[in-house]
Amino acid sequence: MAVWQVQEAKSRLSEVIEDADKKGPQIITWHGAERAVVLSIADYRALTAHKPDFKQYLLSGPKVDSFVVKRGRDTGRKVDL
């Protein structure tokens, strides 16, 4: 992945977009810290295509229909009140 400083990316935006399309994601830094990534539309769609909604996410968890909790026969200790 190529790394661009924000000022350079602003002045050469067309090149950044073209490189994202042909070479892959382009990282943009600001004051030396990674702050953003420019992706091609194909990469973006691939990342967001298989995102289930919240209900589907919860329902896709492990099935616990036959979940049985084994309890001991101990009734606990006697307490005088």
PDB file of N, CA and C in Angstrom:
ATOM      1  N   MET A   1       0.837  -1.182   0.000  1.00  0.00           N
ATOM      2  CA  MET A   1       0.000   0.000   0.000  1.00  0.00           C
ATOM      3  C   MET A   1       0.879   1.241   0.000  1.00  0.00           C
ATOM      4  N   ALA A   2       0.500   2.181  -0.813  1.00  0.00           N
ATOM      5  CA  ALA A   2       1.231   3.444  -0.875  1.00  0.00           C
ATOM      6  C   ALA A   2       0.774   4.356   0.262  1.00  0.00           C
ATOM      7  N   VAL A   3       1.673   5.201   0.695  1.00  0.00           N
ATOM      8  CA  VAL A   3       1.380   6.147   1.764  1.00  0.00           C
ATOM      9  C   VAL A   3       1.553   7.555   1.224  1.00  0.00           C
ATOM     10  N   TRP A   4       0.550   8.373   1.426  1.00  0.00           N
ATOM     11  CA  TRP A   4       0.552   9.763   0.956  1.00  0.00           C
ATOM     12  C   TRP A   4       0.378  10.700   2.136  1.00  0.00           C
ATOM     13  N   GLN A   5       1.130  11.803   2.131  1.00  0.00           N
ATOM     14  CA  GLN A   5       0.873  12.860   3.095  1.00  0.00           C
ATOM     15  C   GLN A   5      -0.355  13.619   2.611  1.00  0.00           C
ATOM     16  N   VAL A   6      -1.121  14.169   3.526  1.00  0.00           N
ATOM     17  CA  VAL A   6      -2.394  14.788   3.168  1.00  0.00           C
ATOM     18  C   VAL A   6      -2.219  15.907   2.135  1.00  0.00           C
ATOM     19  N   GLN A   7      -1.173  16.711   2.257  1.00  0.00           N
ATOM     20  CA  GLN A   7      -0.970  17.810   1.304  1.00  0.00           C
ATOM     21  C   GLN A   7      -0.701  17.271  -0.096  1.00  0.00           C
ATOM     22  N   GLU A   8       0.108  16.218  -0.171  1.00  0.00           N
ATOM     23  CA  GLU A   8       0.414  15.615  -1.461  1.00  0.00           C
ATOM     24  C   GLU A   8      -0.828  14.952  -2.049  1.00  0.00           C
ATOM     25  N   ALA A   9      -1.603  14.293  -1.207  1.00  0.00           N
ATOM     26  CA  ALA A   9      -2.827  13.631  -1.678  1.00  0.00           C
ATOM     27  C   ALA A   9      -3.831  14.657  -2.198  1.00  0.00           C
ATOM     28  N   LYS A  10      -3.897  15.815  -1.551  1.00  0.00           N
ATOM     29  CA  LYS A  10      -4.817  16.868  -2.008  1.00  0.00           C
ATOM     30  C   LYS A  10      -4.402  17.402  -3.378  1.00  0.00           C
ATOM     31  N   SER A  11      -3.125  17.594  -3.557  1.00  0.00           N
ATOM     32  CA  SER A  11      -2.669  18.175  -4.820  1.00  0.00           C
ATOM     33  C   SER A  11      -2.642  17.154  -5.961  1.00  0.00           C
ATOM     34  N   ARG A  12      -2.598  15.859  -5.628  1.00  0.00           N
ATOM     35  CA  ARG A  12      -2.539  14.817  -6.657  1.00  0.00           C
ATOM     36  C   ARG A  12      -3.689  13.823  -6.494  1.00  0.00           C
ATOM     37  N   LEU A  13      -4.883  14.321  -6.180  1.00  0.00           N
ATOM     38  CA  LEU A  13      -6.028  13.474  -5.885  1.00  0.00           C
ATOM     39  C   LEU A  13      -6.362  12.515  -7.024  1.00  0.00           C
ATOM     40  N   SER A  14      -6.291  12.979  -8.236  1.00  0.00           N
ATOM     41  CA  SER A  14      -6.585  12.105  -9.375  1.00  0.00           C
ATOM     42  C   SER A  14      -5.655  10.897  -9.400  1.00  0.00           C
ATOM     43  N   GLU A  15      -4.387  11.119  -9.099  1.00  0.00           N
ATOM     44  CA  GLU A  15      -3.415  10.030  -9.075  1.00  0.00           C
ATOM     45  C   GLU A  15      -3.688   9.067  -7.915  1.00  0.00           C
ATOM     46  N   VAL A  16      -4.071   9.610  -6.771  1.00  0.00           N
ATOM     47  CA  VAL A  16      -4.401   8.773  -5.615  1.00  0.00           C
ATOM     48  C   VAL A  16      -5.577   7.862  -5.958  1.00  0.00           C
ATOM     49  N   ILE A  17      -6.604   8.414  -6.589  1.00  0.00           N
ATOM     50  CA  ILE A  17      -7.784   7.633  -6.963  1.00  0.00           C
ATOM     51  C   ILE A  17      -7.411   6.573  -7.999  1.00  0.00           C
ATOM     52  N   GLU A  18      -6.621   6.946  -8.972  1.00  0.00           N
ATOM     53  CA  GLU A  18      -6.195   5.996 -10.013  1.00  0.00           C
ATOM     54  C   GLU A  18      -5.370   4.859  -9.409  1.00  0.00           C
ATOM     55  N   ASP A  19      -4.459   5.201  -8.492  1.00  0.00           N
ATOM     56  CA  ASP A  19      -3.646   4.171  -7.836  1.00  0.00           C
ATOM     57  C   ASP A  19      -4.510   3.251  -6.964  1.00  0.00           C
ATOM     58  N   ALA A  20      -5.512   3.812  -6.312  1.00  0.00           N
ATOM     59  CA  ALA A  20      -6.414   2.986  -5.503  1.00  0.00           C
ATOM     60  C   ALA A  20      -7.142   1.981  -6.383  1.00  0.00           C
ATOM     61  N   ASP A  21      -7.505   2.404  -7.581  1.00  0.00           N
ATOM     62  CA  ASP A  21      -8.210   1.518  -8.501  1.00  0.00           C
ATOM     63  C   ASP A  21      -7.292   0.444  -9.076  1.00  0.00           C
ATOM     64  N   LYS A  22      -6.057   0.804  -9.380  1.00  0.00           N
ATOM     65  CA  LYS A  22      -5.143  -0.127 -10.055  1.00  0.00           C
ATOM     66  C   LYS A  22      -4.218  -0.892  -9.103  1.00  0.00           C
ATOM     67  N   LYS A  23      -3.759  -0.256  -8.035  1.00  0.00           N
ATOM     68  CA  LYS A  23      -2.752  -0.853  -7.158  1.00  0.00           C
ATOM     69  C   LYS A  23      -3.281  -1.268  -5.790  1.00  0.00           C
ATOM     70  N   GLY A  24      -4.470  -0.831  -5.425  1.00  0.00           N
ATOM     71  CA  GLY A  24      -5.029  -1.183  -4.118  1.00  0.00           C
ATOM     72  C   GLY A  24      -5.153   0.022  -3.208  1.00  0.00           C
ATOM     73  N   PRO A  25      -5.529  -0.201  -1.966  1.00  0.00           N
ATOM     74  CA  PRO A  25      -5.781   0.886  -1.012  1.00  0.00           C
ATOM     75  C   PRO A  25      -4.583   1.834  -0.868  1.00  0.00           C
ATOM     76  N   GLN A  26      -4.899   3.117  -0.712  1.00  0.00           N
ATOM     77  CA  GLN A  26      -3.893   4.168  -0.539  1.00  0.00           C
ATOM     78  C   GLN A  26      -4.096   4.801   0.836  1.00  0.00           C
ATOM     79  N   ILE A  27      -3.041   4.808   1.639  1.00  0.00           N
ATOM     80  CA  ILE A  27      -3.121   5.359   2.991  1.00  0.00           C
ATOM     81  C   ILE A  27      -2.751   6.831   2.955  1.00  0.00           C
ATOM     82  N   ILE A  28      -3.513   7.644   3.684  1.00  0.00           N
ATOM     83  CA  ILE A  28      -3.229   9.080   3.789  1.00  0.00           C
ATOM     84  C   ILE A  28      -2.860   9.382   5.234  1.00  0.00           C
ATOM     85  N   THR A  29      -1.718  10.058   5.405  1.00  0.00           N
ATOM     86  CA  THR A  29      -1.246  10.399   6.746  1.00  0.00           C
ATOM     87  C   THR A  29      -1.393  11.895   6.986  1.00  0.00           C
ATOM     88  N   TRP A  30      -1.528  12.224   8.262  1.00  0.00           N
ATOM     89  CA  TRP A  30      -1.615  13.627   8.668  1.00  0.00           C
ATOM     90  C   TRP A  30      -0.733  13.769   9.896  1.00  0.00           C
ATOM     91  N   HIS A  31       0.290  14.592   9.791  1.00  0.00           N
ATOM     92  CA  HIS A  31       1.296  14.770  10.850  1.00  0.00           C
ATOM     93  C   HIS A  31       1.920  13.432  11.230  1.00  0.00           C
ATOM     94  N   GLY A  32       2.170  12.578  10.228  1.00  0.00           N
ATOM     95  CA  GLY A  32       2.844  11.307  10.455  1.00  0.00           C
ATOM     96  C   GLY A  32       1.956  10.165  10.924  1.00  0.00           C
ATOM     97  N   ALA A  33       0.688  10.439  11.222  1.00  0.00           N
ATOM     98  CA  ALA A  33      -0.220   9.389  11.694  1.00  0.00           C
ATOM     99  C   ALA A  33      -1.180   8.988  10.578  1.00  0.00           C
ATOM    100  N   GLU A  34      -1.423   7.701  10.446  1.00  0.00           N
ATOM    101  CA  GLU A  34      -2.370   7.225   9.436  1.00  0.00           C
ATOM    102  C   GLU A  34      -3.770   7.710   9.802  1.00  0.00           C
ATOM    103  N   ARG A  35      -4.435   8.387   8.864  1.00  0.00           N
ATOM    104  CA  ARG A  35      -5.734   8.979   9.169  1.00  0.00           C
ATOM    105  C   ARG A  35      -6.860   8.507   8.266  1.00  0.00           C
ATOM    106  N   ALA A  36      -6.544   8.082   7.039  1.00  0.00           N
ATOM    107  CA  ALA A  36      -7.596   7.697   6.096  1.00  0.00           C
ATOM    108  C   ALA A  36      -7.053   6.709   5.081  1.00  0.00           C
ATOM    109  N   VAL A  37      -7.993   6.031   4.409  1.00  0.00           N
ATOM    110  CA  VAL A  37      -7.643   5.100   3.340  1.00  0.00           C
ATOM    111  C   VAL A  37      -8.555   5.386   2.159  1.00  0.00           C
ATOM    112  N   VAL A  38      -7.978   5.448   0.974  1.00  0.00           N
ATOM    113  CA  VAL A  38      -8.755   5.599  -0.250  1.00  0.00           C
ATOM    114  C   VAL A  38      -8.832   4.221  -0.889  1.00  0.00           C
ATOM    115  N   LEU A  39     -10.071   3.749  -1.115  1.00  0.00           N
ATOM    116  CA  LEU A  39     -10.313   2.435  -1.710  1.00  0.00           C
ATOM    117  C   LEU A  39     -10.954   2.588  -3.077  1.00  0.00           C
ATOM    118  N   SER A  40     -10.755   1.592  -3.922  1.00  0.00           N
ATOM    119  CA  SER A  40     -11.508   1.561  -5.173  1.00  0.00           C
ATOM    120  C   SER A  40     -12.949   1.208  -4.825  1.00  0.00           C
ATOM    121  N   ILE A  41     -13.879   1.523  -5.713  1.00  0.00           N
ATOM    122  CA  ILE A  41     -15.279   1.228  -5.461  1.00  0.00           C
ATOM    123  C   ILE A  41     -15.492  -0.284  -5.366  1.00  0.00           C
ATOM    124  N   ALA A  42     -14.730  -1.067  -6.123  1.00  0.00           N
ATOM    125  CA  ALA A  42     -14.844  -2.526  -6.059  1.00  0.00           C
ATOM    126  C   ALA A  42     -14.429  -3.048  -4.682  1.00  0.00           C
ATOM    127  N   ASP A  43     -13.325  -2.521  -4.130  1.00  0.00           N
ATOM    128  CA  ASP A  43     -12.889  -2.931  -2.796  1.00  0.00           C
ATOM    129  C   ASP A  43     -13.910  -2.539  -1.743  1.00  0.00           C
ATOM    130  N   TYR A  44     -14.464  -1.330  -1.857  1.00  0.00           N
ATOM    131  CA  TYR A  44     -15.468  -0.857  -0.905  1.00  0.00           C
ATOM    132  C   TYR A  44     -16.704  -1.750  -0.927  1.00  0.00           C
ATOM    133  N   ARG A  45     -17.184  -2.064  -2.118  1.00  0.00           N
ATOM    134  CA  ARG A  45     -18.387  -2.907  -2.233  1.00  0.00           C
ATOM    135  C   ARG A  45     -18.131  -4.311  -1.707  1.00  0.00           C
ATOM    136  N   ALA A  46     -16.936  -4.828  -1.913  1.00  0.00           N
ATOM    137  CA  ALA A  46     -16.599  -6.158  -1.392  1.00  0.00           C
ATOM    138  C   ALA A  46     -16.603  -6.150   0.139  1.00  0.00           C
ATOM    139  N   LEU A  47     -16.153  -5.056   0.745  1.00  0.00           N
ATOM    140  CA  LEU A  47     -16.143  -4.959   2.207  1.00  0.00           C
ATOM    141  C   LEU A  47     -17.540  -4.832   2.798  1.00  0.00           C
ATOM    142  N   THR A  48     -18.432  -4.167   2.100  1.00  0.00           N
ATOM    143  CA  THR A  48     -19.757  -3.900   2.654  1.00  0.00           C
ATOM    144  C   THR A  48     -20.845  -4.834   2.154  1.00  0.00           C
ATOM    145  N   ALA A  49     -20.526  -5.736   1.249  1.00  0.00           N
ATOM    146  CA  ALA A  49     -21.550  -6.583   0.626  1.00  0.00           C
ATOM    147  C   ALA A  49     -22.166  -7.587   1.591  1.00  0.00           C
ATOM    148  N   HIS A  50     -21.400  -8.163   2.470  1.00  0.00           N
ATOM    149  CA  HIS A  50     -21.881  -9.254   3.304  1.00  0.00           C
ATOM    150  C   HIS A  50     -22.122  -8.824   4.740  1.00  0.00           C
ATOM    151  N   LYS A  51     -22.637  -7.647   4.934  1.00  0.00           N
ATOM    152  CA  LYS A  51     -22.862  -7.122   6.273  1.00  0.00           C
ATOM    153  C   LYS A  51     -24.295  -7.419   6.699  1.00  0.00           C
ATOM    154  N   PRO A  52     -24.496  -8.366   7.640  1.00  0.00           N
ATOM    155  CA  PRO A  52     -25.862  -8.681   8.063  1.00  0.00           C
ATOM    156  C   PRO A  52     -26.431  -7.569   8.944  1.00  0.00           C
ATOM    157  N   ASP A  53     -27.752  -7.480   8.971  1.00  0.00           N
ATOM    158  CA  ASP A  53     -28.338  -6.500   9.878  1.00  0.00           C
ATOM    159  C   ASP A  53     -28.267  -7.059  11.304  1.00  0.00           C
ATOM    160  N   PHE A  54     -28.627  -6.271  12.276  1.00  0.00           N
ATOM    161  CA  PHE A  54     -28.454  -6.636  13.676  1.00  0.00           C
ATOM    162  C   PHE A  54     -29.242  -7.901  14.033  1.00  0.00           C
ATOM    163  N   LYS A  55     -30.468  -8.008  13.553  1.00  0.00           N
ATOM    164  CA  LYS A  55     -31.289  -9.182  13.840  1.00  0.00           C
ATOM    165  C   LYS A  55     -30.631 -10.440  13.263  1.00  0.00           C
ATOM    166  N   GLN A  56     -30.157 -10.376  12.021  1.00  0.00           N
ATOM    167  CA  GLN A  56     -29.488 -11.528  11.414  1.00  0.00           C
ATOM    168  C   GLN A  56     -28.227 -11.891  12.187  1.00  0.00           C
ATOM    169  N   TYR A  57     -27.504 -10.885  12.655  1.00  0.00           N
ATOM    170  CA  TYR A  57     -26.291 -11.130  13.429  1.00  0.00           C
ATOM    171  C   TYR A  57     -26.610 -11.914  14.702  1.00  0.00           C
ATOM    172  N   LEU A  58     -27.658 -11.490  15.418  1.00  0.00           N
ATOM    173  CA  LEU A  58     -28.015 -12.174  16.657  1.00  0.00           C
ATOM    174  C   LEU A  58     -28.513 -13.591  16.388  1.00  0.00           C
ATOM    175  N   LEU A  59     -29.284 -13.761  15.335  1.00  0.00           N
ATOM    176  CA  LEU A  59     -29.827 -15.081  15.024  1.00  0.00           C
ATOM    177  C   LEU A  59     -28.776 -16.034  14.459  1.00  0.00           C
ATOM    178  N   SER A  60     -27.658 -15.517  14.002  1.00  0.00           N
ATOM    179  CA  SER A  60     -26.622 -16.372  13.426  1.00  0.00           C
ATOM    180  C   SER A  60     -25.684 -16.966  14.472  1.00  0.00           C
ATOM    181  N   GLY A  61     -25.902 -16.649  15.739  1.00  0.00           N
ATOM    182  CA  GLY A  61     -25.052 -17.166  16.803  1.00  0.00           C
ATOM    183  C   GLY A  61     -25.257 -18.648  17.036  1.00  0.00           C
ATOM    184  N   PRO A  62     -24.548 -19.212  17.999  1.00  0.00           N
ATOM    185  CA  PRO A  62     -24.691 -20.642  18.278  1.00  0.00           C
ATOM    186  C   PRO A  62     -26.099 -20.971  18.753  1.00  0.00           C
ATOM    187  N   LYS A  63     -26.586 -22.119  18.336  1.00  0.00           N
ATOM    188  CA  LYS A  63     -27.934 -22.557  18.724  1.00  0.00           C
ATOM    189  C   LYS A  63     -27.864 -23.218  20.095  1.00  0.00           C
ATOM    190  N   VAL A  64     -28.782 -22.875  20.967  1.00  0.00           N
ATOM    191  CA  VAL A  64     -28.802 -23.409  22.323  1.00  0.00           C
ATOM    192  C   VAL A  64     -30.152 -24.053  22.638  1.00  0.00           C
ATOM    193  N   ASP A  65     -30.803 -24.629  21.641  1.00  0.00           N
ATOM    194  CA  ASP A  65     -32.113 -25.243  21.840  1.00  0.00           C
ATOM    195  C   ASP A  65     -32.056 -26.411  22.827  1.00  0.00           C
ATOM    196  N   SER A  66     -30.994 -27.173  22.806  1.00  0.00           N
ATOM    197  CA  SER A  66     -30.899 -28.341  23.676  1.00  0.00           C
ATOM    198  C   SER A  66     -29.933 -28.094  24.841  1.00  0.00           C
ATOM    199  N   PHE A  67     -29.831 -26.877  25.264  1.00  0.00           N
ATOM    200  CA  PHE A  67     -28.931 -26.505  26.349  1.00  0.00           C
ATOM    201  C   PHE A  67     -29.534 -26.936  27.680  1.00  0.00           C
ATOM    202  N   VAL A  68     -28.816 -27.751  28.445  1.00  0.00           N
ATOM    203  CA  VAL A  68     -29.304 -28.250  29.722  1.00  0.00           C
ATOM    204  C   VAL A  68     -28.305 -27.852  30.803  1.00  0.00           C
ATOM    205  N   VAL A  69     -28.813 -27.273  31.868  1.00  0.00           N
ATOM    206  CA  VAL A  69     -27.967 -26.895  32.994  1.00  0.00           C
ATOM    207  C   VAL A  69     -28.100 -27.979  34.051  1.00  0.00           C
ATOM    208  N   LYS A  70     -26.989 -28.593  34.414  1.00  0.00           N
ATOM    209  CA  LYS A  70     -27.006 -29.610  35.452  1.00  0.00           C
ATOM    210  C   LYS A  70     -26.868 -28.920  36.798  1.00  0.00           C
ATOM    211  N   ARG A  71     -27.815 -29.196  37.662  1.00  0.00           N
ATOM    212  CA  ARG A  71     -27.793 -28.592  38.990  1.00  0.00           C
ATOM    213  C   ARG A  71     -27.504 -29.662  40.033  1.00  0.00           C
ATOM    214  N   GLY A  72     -26.751 -29.269  41.016  1.00  0.00           N
ATOM    215  CA  GLY A  72     -26.473 -30.183  42.119  1.00  0.00           C
ATOM    216  C   GLY A  72     -27.704 -30.339  42.998  1.00  0.00           C
ATOM    217  N   ARG A  73     -27.743 -31.380  43.785  1.00  0.00           N
ATOM    218  CA  ARG A  73     -28.888 -31.623  44.668  1.00  0.00           C
ATOM    219  C   ARG A  73     -28.744 -30.863  45.983  1.00  0.00           C
ATOM    220  N   ASP A  74     -27.630 -30.217  46.186  1.00  0.00           N
ATOM    221  CA  ASP A  74     -27.398 -29.458  47.409  1.00  0.00           C
ATOM    222  C   ASP A  74     -28.391 -28.309  47.504  1.00  0.00           C
ATOM    223  N   THR A  75     -29.086 -28.189  48.626  1.00  0.00           N
ATOM    224  CA  THR A  75     -30.067 -27.123  48.800  1.00  0.00           C
ATOM    225  C   THR A  75     -29.474 -25.888  49.461  1.00  0.00           C
ATOM    226  N   GLY A  76     -28.223 -25.932  49.763  1.00  0.00           N
ATOM    227  CA  GLY A  76     -27.583 -24.796  50.407  1.00  0.00           C
ATOM    228  C   GLY A  76     -27.498 -24.980  51.908  1.00  0.00           C
ATOM    229  N   ARG A  77     -27.014 -24.016  52.590  1.00  0.00           N
ATOM    230  CA  ARG A  77     -26.867 -24.145  54.045  1.00  0.00           C
ATOM    231  C   ARG A  77     -28.090 -23.588  54.763  1.00  0.00           C
ATOM    232  N   LYS A  78     -28.303 -24.028  55.945  1.00  0.00           N
ATOM    233  CA  LYS A  78     -29.423 -23.544  56.751  1.00  0.00           C
ATOM    234  C   LYS A  78     -29.004 -22.265  57.459  1.00  0.00           C
ATOM    235  N   VAL A  79     -29.914 -21.315  57.467  1.00  0.00           N
ATOM    236  CA  VAL A  79     -29.643 -20.028  58.086  1.00  0.00           C
ATOM    237  C   VAL A  79     -30.710 -19.791  59.149  1.00  0.00           C
ATOM    238  N   ASP A  80     -30.316 -19.451  60.344  1.00  0.00           N
ATOM    239  CA  ASP A  80     -31.266 -19.120  61.409  1.00  0.00           C
ATOM    240  C   ASP A  80     -31.556 -17.628  61.331  1.00  0.00           C
ATOM    241  N   LEU A  81     -32.831 -17.310  61.226  1.00  0.00           N
ATOM    242  CA  LEU A  81     -33.212 -15.891  61.181  1.00  0.00           C
ATOM    243  C   LEU A  81     -33.911 -15.465  62.415  1.00  0.00           C
TER     244      LEU A  81
END
